[in-house]
Amino acid sequence: MTHAEESPRIQLNHATSPDYGPGAGKGGEVLGIGVPELKLAAPVFGEQSRKLSRALTTLITALDGLGEPWGDDPTGENFAKEYKSNQRSIEQAAGVLVLGLVSIHEALDDMKDGHVDNDDLIKGMFTKVARGHGDRDAHGK
């Protein structure tokens, strides 16, 4: 197995139709994602969100644990104001990334479940059901 085959990346079918208006997609798939790809991708986003969350916690704990190495003179106070503002901005941005990865994980999981449920529903529509001895169809037969 090559490195590319081992990769949990999603491979998309990106053939498109020249028609982007109503009925777009006729003549070619715009996006084709299968259940196996979703099963592979969802846990990757979940794991990466946990890793980023741990890294963010480590960053916050480490920076807060260092204390305030600047003085209380005007230069130190100005530095502290800018530093703390930037630190909080970085923490908030990383928090948004964590939430984004979690939501992608959940969306892929939901999409996978939806595809599986839809496949089961369609199979059920085209599967003959064995009738019992006393069962009759709509015509009484």
Protein backbone atom coordinates (compact mmCIF):
# COMPACT_ATOMS: atom_id res chain seq x y z
CA MET A 1 0.00 0.00 0.00
CA THR A 2 1.40 3.40 -0.98
CA HIS A 3 1.54 6.40 1.34
CA ALA A 4 -1.31 8.04 -0.59
CA GLU A 5 -3.54 4.98 -0.04
CA GLU A 6 -2.82 5.01 3.70
CA SER A 7 -3.70 8.69 4.06
CA PRO A 8 -7.06 9.42 5.72
CA ARG A 9 -7.67 12.33 3.36
CA ILE A 10 -10.95 12.62 1.53
CA GLN A 11 -10.71 12.27 -2.22
CA LEU A 12 -13.43 14.15 -4.02
CA ASN A 13 -14.82 13.56 -7.46
CA HIS A 14 -14.73 17.07 -8.87
CA ALA A 15 -15.98 16.52 -12.41
CA THR A 16 -18.45 19.28 -13.17
CA SER A 17 -21.03 20.14 -15.74
CA PRO A 18 -20.77 23.40 -17.68
CA ASP A 19 -24.31 24.18 -16.48
CA TYR A 20 -24.28 25.88 -13.08
CA GLY A 21 -27.93 26.95 -13.19
CA PRO A 22 -31.06 24.92 -12.42
CA GLY A 23 -30.39 21.26 -13.00
CA ALA A 24 -26.65 21.66 -12.50
CA GLY A 25 -24.84 18.40 -12.14
CA LYS A 26 -26.43 16.74 -15.17
CA GLY A 27 -23.64 15.15 -17.11
CA GLY A 28 -21.19 15.01 -14.22
CA GLU A 29 -20.99 14.80 -10.47
CA VAL A 30 -20.24 18.05 -8.72
CA LEU A 31 -19.25 16.33 -5.47
CA GLY A 32 -19.07 12.64 -4.69
CA ILE A 33 -18.31 11.54 -1.15
CA GLY A 34 -18.92 8.02 0.02
CA VAL A 35 -19.52 6.51 3.43
CA PRO A 36 -16.01 4.97 3.63
CA GLU A 37 -14.41 8.40 3.18
CA LEU A 38 -16.70 9.89 5.83
CA LYS A 39 -15.86 7.06 8.24
CA LEU A 40 -12.16 7.81 7.75
CA ALA A 41 -12.36 11.59 7.88
CA ALA A 42 -14.68 12.18 10.85
CA PRO A 43 -12.35 10.69 13.50
CA VAL A 44 -9.39 12.64 12.09
CA PHE A 45 -11.16 15.94 12.71
CA GLY A 46 -12.20 14.76 16.17
CA GLU A 47 -8.65 13.76 17.11
CA GLN A 48 -7.15 16.96 15.74
CA SER A 49 -9.67 19.05 17.68
CA ARG A 50 -8.64 17.24 20.89
CA LYS A 51 -4.95 17.79 20.12
CA LEU A 52 -5.47 21.48 19.40
CA SER A 53 -7.56 21.84 22.55
CA ARG A 54 -4.78 20.26 24.65
CA ALA A 55 -2.22 22.55 23.00
CA LEU A 56 -4.39 25.58 23.72
CA THR A 57 -4.77 24.54 27.36
CA THR A 58 -0.99 24.09 27.62
CA LEU A 59 -0.41 27.51 26.05
CA ILE A 60 -2.84 29.27 28.39
CA THR A 61 -1.49 27.49 31.47
CA ALA A 62 2.13 28.15 30.54
CA LEU A 63 1.66 31.82 29.70
CA ASP A 64 -0.49 32.50 32.76
CA GLY A 65 2.00 30.58 34.92
CA LEU A 66 4.90 32.80 33.85
CA GLY A 67 3.42 35.73 35.69
CA GLU A 68 4.01 39.32 34.69
CA PRO A 69 7.70 39.98 33.95
CA TRP A 70 7.14 43.63 33.09
CA GLY A 71 7.31 46.42 35.58
CA ASP A 72 4.67 48.82 36.74
CA ASP A 73 6.25 51.85 35.12
CA PRO A 74 4.45 53.42 32.09
CA THR A 75 6.46 51.36 29.60
CA GLY A 76 5.68 48.14 31.45
CA GLU A 77 2.02 49.04 31.76
CA ASN A 78 1.78 49.77 28.01
CA PHE A 79 3.54 46.51 27.21
CA ALA A 80 1.23 44.58 29.56
CA LYS A 81 -1.87 46.08 27.98
CA GLU A 82 -0.79 45.13 24.44
CA TYR A 83 0.56 41.72 25.50
CA LYS A 84 -2.56 40.67 27.37
CA SER A 85 -4.82 41.88 24.55
CA ASN A 86 -2.84 39.93 21.95
CA GLN A 87 -2.64 36.84 24.20
CA ARG A 88 -6.44 36.78 24.60
CA SER A 89 -6.93 37.28 20.86
CA ILE A 90 -4.67 34.31 20.09
CA GLU A 91 -6.46 32.17 22.68
CA GLN A 92 -9.87 33.11 21.28
CA ALA A 93 -8.77 32.39 17.70
CA ALA A 94 -7.41 28.98 18.68
CA GLY A 95 -10.67 28.31 20.56
CA VAL A 96 -12.63 29.08 17.40
CA LEU A 97 -10.43 26.62 15.49
CA VAL A 98 -11.10 23.92 18.09
CA LEU A 99 -14.85 24.47 17.82
CA GLY A 100 -14.60 24.46 14.02
CA LEU A 101 -12.82 21.11 14.00
CA VAL A 102 -15.38 19.67 16.43
CA SER A 103 -18.26 20.88 14.26
CA ILE A 104 -16.67 19.40 11.12
CA HIS A 105 -16.23 16.09 12.97
CA GLU A 106 -19.89 16.11 14.04
CA ALA A 107 -21.12 17.14 10.58
CA LEU A 108 -19.16 14.37 8.88
CA ASP A 109 -20.49 11.86 11.42
CA ASP A 110 -24.06 13.07 10.82
CA MET A 111 -23.54 12.97 7.06
CA LYS A 112 -22.24 9.39 7.30
CA ASP A 113 -25.23 8.36 9.40
CA GLY A 114 -27.58 10.06 6.94
CA HIS A 115 -26.04 8.23 3.99
CA VAL A 116 -26.27 4.89 5.80
CA ASP A 117 -29.90 5.54 6.84
CA ASN A 118 -30.78 6.63 3.29
CA ASP A 119 -29.14 3.53 1.81
CA ASP A 120 -31.07 1.32 4.23
CA LEU A 121 -34.32 3.10 3.36
CA ILE A 122 -33.75 2.68 -0.35
CA LYS A 123 -32.82 -0.99 0.09
CA GLY A 124 -36.04 -1.47 2.05
CA MET A 125 -38.06 0.05 -0.77
CA PHE A 126 -36.71 -2.47 -3.26
CA THR A 127 -36.56 -5.57 -1.11
CA LYS A 128 -39.29 -8.16 -1.35
CA VAL A 129 -40.85 -8.92 1.97
CA ALA A 130 -41.85 -12.53 2.52
CA ARG A 131 -45.53 -12.72 3.37
CA GLY A 132 -46.73 -14.93 6.13
CA HIS A 133 -49.41 -17.59 5.66
CA GLY A 134 -52.33 -15.36 6.63
CA ASP A 135 -51.08 -12.18 4.89
CA ARG A 136 -53.06 -10.91 1.94
CA ASP A 137 -52.22 -8.19 -0.54
CA ALA A 138 -54.44 -5.19 -1.33
CA HIS A 139 -56.61 -7.38 -3.61
CA GLY A 140 -57.34 -9.98 -0.92
CA LYS A 141 -55.08 -12.57 -2.55
